[in-house]
Protein backbone atom coordinates (compact mmCIF):
# COMPACT_ATOMS: atom_id res chain seq x y z
CA UNK A 1 -50.65 36.49 12.41
CA UNK A 2 -49.77 35.29 8.93
CA UNK A 3 -46.45 35.29 7.08
CA UNK A 4 -46.96 37.26 3.86
CA UNK A 5 -44.60 37.76 0.96
CA UNK A 6 -44.81 40.88 -1.16
CA UNK A 7 -43.23 40.79 -4.65
CA UNK A 8 -43.16 44.32 -6.06
CA UNK A 9 -40.38 46.12 -7.92
CA UNK A 10 -41.51 49.66 -6.92
CA UNK A 11 -40.01 50.41 -3.55
CA UNK A 12 -42.68 52.97 -2.57
CA UNK A 13 -45.54 50.56 -3.24
CA UNK A 14 -43.64 47.72 -1.55
CA UNK A 15 -43.20 49.86 1.60
CA UNK A 16 -46.81 50.99 1.59
CA UNK A 17 -48.05 47.40 1.36
CA UNK A 18 -45.60 46.24 4.09
CA UNK A 19 -46.62 48.97 6.52
CA UNK A 20 -50.32 48.36 5.93
CA UNK A 21 -49.97 44.57 6.51
CA UNK A 22 -47.66 45.02 9.49
CA UNK A 23 -50.29 47.24 11.07
CA UNK A 24 -52.68 44.26 10.72
CA UNK A 25 -50.26 42.14 12.73
CA UNK A 26 -48.71 40.14 9.96
CA UNK A 27 -45.08 39.16 9.40
CA UNK A 28 -43.83 40.56 6.07
CA UNK A 29 -41.17 39.33 3.69
CA UNK A 30 -40.18 41.52 0.71
CA UNK A 31 -39.01 40.60 -2.85
CA UNK A 32 -38.06 43.04 -5.59
CA UNK A 33 -39.12 40.68 -8.39
CA UNK A 34 -40.77 37.35 -9.17
CA UNK A 35 -37.57 35.29 -9.32
CA UNK A 36 -36.54 36.48 -5.84
CA UNK A 37 -40.07 35.80 -4.64
CA UNK A 38 -39.95 32.21 -5.80
CA UNK A 39 -36.58 31.68 -4.07
CA UNK A 40 -38.06 33.30 -0.91
CA UNK A 41 -40.98 30.89 -1.01
CA UNK A 42 -38.67 27.89 -1.31
CA UNK A 43 -36.50 29.01 1.63
CA UNK A 44 -39.24 30.18 3.99
CA UNK A 45 -41.82 27.60 5.01
CA UNK A 46 -45.13 28.85 6.38
CA UNK A 47 -45.82 31.70 3.95
CA UNK A 48 -49.62 31.72 3.59
CA UNK A 49 -50.13 34.62 1.22
CA UNK A 50 -48.27 36.11 -1.69
CA UNK A 51 -49.01 39.57 -3.10
CA UNK A 52 -47.36 40.13 -6.48
CA UNK A 53 -47.20 42.87 -9.02
CA UNK A 54 -47.76 41.80 -12.64
CA UNK A 55 -44.94 43.77 -14.27
CA UNK A 56 -41.58 43.07 -12.68
CA UNK A 57 -38.01 42.38 -13.87
CA UNK A 58 -36.54 38.85 -14.12
CA UNK A 59 -39.91 37.09 -13.64
CA UNK A 60 -43.30 38.77 -14.10
CA UNK A 61 -46.47 38.01 -12.15
CA UNK A 62 -47.88 35.67 -14.78
CA UNK A 63 -44.71 33.47 -14.75
CA UNK A 64 -44.64 33.64 -10.92
CA UNK A 65 -48.20 32.37 -10.72
CA UNK A 66 -47.27 29.43 -13.01
CA UNK A 67 -44.11 28.62 -11.04
CA UNK A 68 -45.87 28.84 -7.66
CA UNK A 69 -48.74 26.56 -8.74
CA UNK A 70 -46.41 24.13 -10.56
CA UNK A 71 -44.20 23.90 -7.47
CA UNK A 72 -47.29 22.87 -5.42
CA UNK A 73 -47.30 25.75 -2.98
CA UNK A 74 -50.68 26.04 -1.29
CA UNK A 75 -51.15 29.67 -0.53
CA UNK A 76 -53.36 32.60 -1.43
CA UNK A 77 -52.03 34.52 -4.38
CA UNK A 78 -53.09 38.17 -4.90
CA UNK A 79 -52.02 39.72 -8.23
CA UNK A 80 -52.00 43.50 -8.61
CA UNK A 81 -51.66 45.67 -11.69
CA UNK A 82 -52.67 48.91 -13.28
CA UNK A 83 -52.66 47.63 -16.81
CA UNK A 84 -54.80 44.51 -16.91
CA UNK A 85 -58.13 44.16 -18.76
CA UNK A 86 -61.06 41.86 -17.94
CA UNK A 87 -59.79 39.10 -20.27
CA UNK A 88 -56.32 39.21 -18.68
CA UNK A 89 -57.74 39.18 -15.18
CA UNK A 90 -59.75 36.12 -16.12
CA UNK A 91 -56.56 34.46 -17.44
CA UNK A 92 -54.70 35.26 -14.19
CA UNK A 93 -57.49 33.77 -12.08
CA UNK A 94 -57.53 30.67 -14.41
CA UNK A 95 -53.79 30.29 -13.96
CA UNK A 96 -54.17 30.16 -10.16
CA UNK A 97 -54.36 33.66 -8.80
CA UNK A 98 -56.86 33.86 -5.94
CA UNK A 99 -57.64 37.58 -6.12
CA UNK A 100 -56.89 40.49 -8.49
CA UNK A 101 -56.15 43.91 -6.95
CA UNK A 102 -56.25 46.98 -9.26
CA UNK A 103 -53.74 49.75 -8.94
CA UNK A 104 -53.98 52.37 -7.57
CA UNK A 105 -54.50 50.12 -4.60
CA UNK A 106 -57.46 50.79 -2.35
CA UNK A 107 -56.30 49.84 1.16
CA UNK A 108 -59.78 48.62 2.21
CA UNK A 109 -59.75 46.17 -0.66
CA UNK A 110 -56.23 45.04 0.19
CA UNK A 111 -57.16 44.50 3.84
CA UNK A 112 -60.31 42.51 2.78
CA UNK A 113 -58.38 40.20 0.43
CA UNK A 114 -55.64 39.63 3.02
CA UNK A 115 -58.16 38.85 5.73
CA UNK A 116 -60.02 36.47 3.39
CA UNK A 117 -56.76 34.95 2.24
CA UNK A 118 -55.30 34.19 5.68
CA UNK A 119 -58.40 33.14 7.49
CA UNK A 120 -58.39 29.42 8.34
CA UNK A 121 -60.13 27.40 5.69
CA UNK A 122 -62.78 24.86 6.79
CA UNK A 123 -61.55 21.30 6.79
CA UNK A 124 -63.08 19.29 4.00
CA UNK A 125 -63.97 15.73 4.88
CA UNK A 126 -64.90 13.00 2.40
């Protein structure tokens, strides 16, 4: 079981994501925007995956990626949006997003990214 944070301003989407991930056995934390998500990360150790919308009030997904990576959090970051082109997706991945999830969300793809994002990573030895 992983601790997963969902940053999404749309309550219907937030609830759908939460129910799907809870059915997979994960513990879910919810944030209505990027600024709240960053505060939640700082106050809740052990979050291993963040799913964030791109367009949110107070702090958007792009700014959240930057803040998370600059703060040194080591977690999987899934960015989702309905309005992002190939160039923008590439930019998000370059900034530190792990996966991009297009809206409308396909639950099979969500489950796959979450499973890949929370699976233990092999230890790297020098």
